[in-house]
């Protein structure tokens, strides 16, 4: 294999690795955003239960098998 072909393969591999890292970073940012939104939603739900007229309703589930 000549040096030019080898250099081209190394360059292409480097570009593929950079693209993979970019996609991974985007997915991690998306997951962080979703986690923050879920945490906010849970917080809002618990606050609304505290302020509801009958806060004891719906807080427990009875399950019999």
C-alpha atoms as a PDB file:
ATOM      1  CA  UNK A   1       0.000   0.000   0.000  1.00  0.00           C
ATOM      2  CA  UNK A   2       1.402   3.388  -0.882  1.00  0.00           C
ATOM      3  CA  UNK A   3       1.713   6.336   1.469  1.00  0.00           C
ATOM      4  CA  UNK A   4      -0.946   8.450  -0.281  1.00  0.00           C
ATOM      5  CA  UNK A   5      -3.610   5.734   0.068  1.00  0.00           C
ATOM      6  CA  UNK A   6      -2.657   5.138   3.670  1.00  0.00           C
ATOM      7  CA  UNK A   7      -2.846   8.855   4.431  1.00  0.00           C
ATOM      8  CA  UNK A   8      -6.271   9.034   2.795  1.00  0.00           C
ATOM      9  CA  UNK A   9      -7.549   6.100   4.870  1.00  0.00           C
ATOM     10  CA  UNK A  10      -6.278   7.654   8.103  1.00  0.00           C
ATOM     11  CA  UNK A  11      -7.883  10.984   7.233  1.00  0.00           C
ATOM     12  CA  UNK A  12     -11.209   9.324   6.412  1.00  0.00           C
ATOM     13  CA  UNK A  13     -11.114   7.357   9.658  1.00  0.00           C
ATOM     14  CA  UNK A  14     -10.439  10.547  11.608  1.00  0.00           C
ATOM     15  CA  UNK A  15     -13.414  12.289   9.965  1.00  0.00           C
ATOM     16  CA  UNK A  16     -15.680   9.326  10.754  1.00  0.00           C
ATOM     17  CA  UNK A  17     -14.576   9.400  14.384  1.00  0.00           C
ATOM     18  CA  UNK A  18     -15.245  13.136  14.640  1.00  0.00           C
ATOM     19  CA  UNK A  19     -18.709  12.683  13.135  1.00  0.00           C
ATOM     20  CA  UNK A  20     -19.480   9.879  15.587  1.00  0.00           C
ATOM     21  CA  UNK A  21     -18.415  12.039  18.517  1.00  0.00           C
ATOM     22  CA  UNK A  22     -20.572  14.917  17.287  1.00  0.00           C
ATOM     23  CA  UNK A  23     -23.629  12.667  17.066  1.00  0.00           C
ATOM     24  CA  UNK A  24     -22.894  11.275  20.537  1.00  0.00           C
ATOM     25  CA  UNK A  25     -22.621  14.785  21.988  1.00  0.00           C
ATOM     26  CA  UNK A  26     -25.966  15.739  20.422  1.00  0.00           C
ATOM     27  CA  UNK A  27     -27.669  12.670  21.859  1.00  0.00           C
ATOM     28  CA  UNK A  28     -26.182  13.327  25.308  1.00  0.00           C
ATOM     29  CA  UNK A  29     -27.414  16.943  25.231  1.00  0.00           C
ATOM     30  CA  UNK A  30     -30.850  15.724  24.196  1.00  0.00           C
ATOM     31  CA  UNK A  31     -30.922  13.212  27.063  1.00  0.00           C
ATOM     32  CA  UNK A  32     -29.880  15.909  29.540  1.00  0.00           C
ATOM     33  CA  UNK A  33     -32.658  18.195  28.292  1.00  0.00           C
ATOM     34  CA  UNK A  34     -35.231  15.415  28.567  1.00  0.00           C
ATOM     35  CA  UNK A  35     -34.084  14.594  32.105  1.00  0.00           C
ATOM     36  CA  UNK A  36     -34.346  18.243  33.132  1.00  0.00           C
ATOM     37  CA  UNK A  37     -37.837  18.478  31.628  1.00  0.00           C
ATOM     38  CA  UNK A  38     -38.931  15.296  33.395  1.00  0.00           C
ATOM     39  CA  UNK A  39     -37.596  16.570  36.718  1.00  0.00           C
ATOM     40  CA  UNK A  40     -39.448  19.856  36.221  1.00  0.00           C
ATOM     41  CA  UNK A  41     -42.659  18.037  35.322  1.00  0.00           C
ATOM     42  CA  UNK A  42     -42.455  15.856  38.445  1.00  0.00           C
ATOM     43  CA  UNK A  43     -41.813  18.915  40.582  1.00  0.00           C
ATOM     44  CA  UNK A  44     -44.792  20.737  39.063  1.00  0.00           C
ATOM     45  CA  UNK A  45     -47.034  17.712  39.583  1.00  0.00           C
ATOM     46  CA  UNK A  46     -46.127  17.391  43.251  1.00  0.00           C
ATOM     47  CA  UNK A  47     -46.753  21.114  43.781  1.00  0.00           C
ATOM     48  CA  UNK A  48     -50.160  20.892  42.122  1.00  0.00           C
ATOM     49  CA  UNK A  49     -51.097  17.940  44.360  1.00  0.00           C
ATOM     50  CA  UNK A  50     -50.181  19.990  47.413  1.00  0.00           C
ATOM     51  CA  UNK A  51     -52.419  22.821  46.252  1.00  0.00           C
ATOM     52  CA  UNK A  52     -55.364  20.686  45.170  1.00  0.00           C
ATOM     53  CA  UNK A  53     -58.663  20.669  47.044  1.00  0.00           C
ATOM     54  CA  UNK A  54     -58.312  17.000  48.067  1.00  0.00           C
ATOM     55  CA  UNK A  55     -54.584  16.294  48.181  1.00  0.00           C
ATOM     56  CA  UNK A  56     -55.066  12.869  49.796  1.00  0.00           C
ATOM     57  CA  UNK A  57     -56.988  11.536  46.774  1.00  0.00           C
ATOM     58  CA  UNK A  58     -54.879   9.714  44.214  1.00  0.00           C
ATOM     59  CA  UNK A  59     -51.775   9.652  46.379  1.00  0.00           C
ATOM     60  CA  UNK A  60     -52.024   5.911  47.198  1.00  0.00           C
ATOM     61  CA  UNK A  61     -52.901   2.863  45.141  1.00  0.00           C
ATOM     62  CA  UNK A  62     -54.350  -0.277  46.747  1.00  0.00           C
ATOM     63  CA  UNK A  63     -53.471  -3.443  44.875  1.00  0.00           C
ATOM     64  CA  UNK A  64     -54.841  -6.864  45.841  1.00  0.00           C
ATOM     65  CA  UNK A  65     -53.843 -10.041  44.061  1.00  0.00           C
END
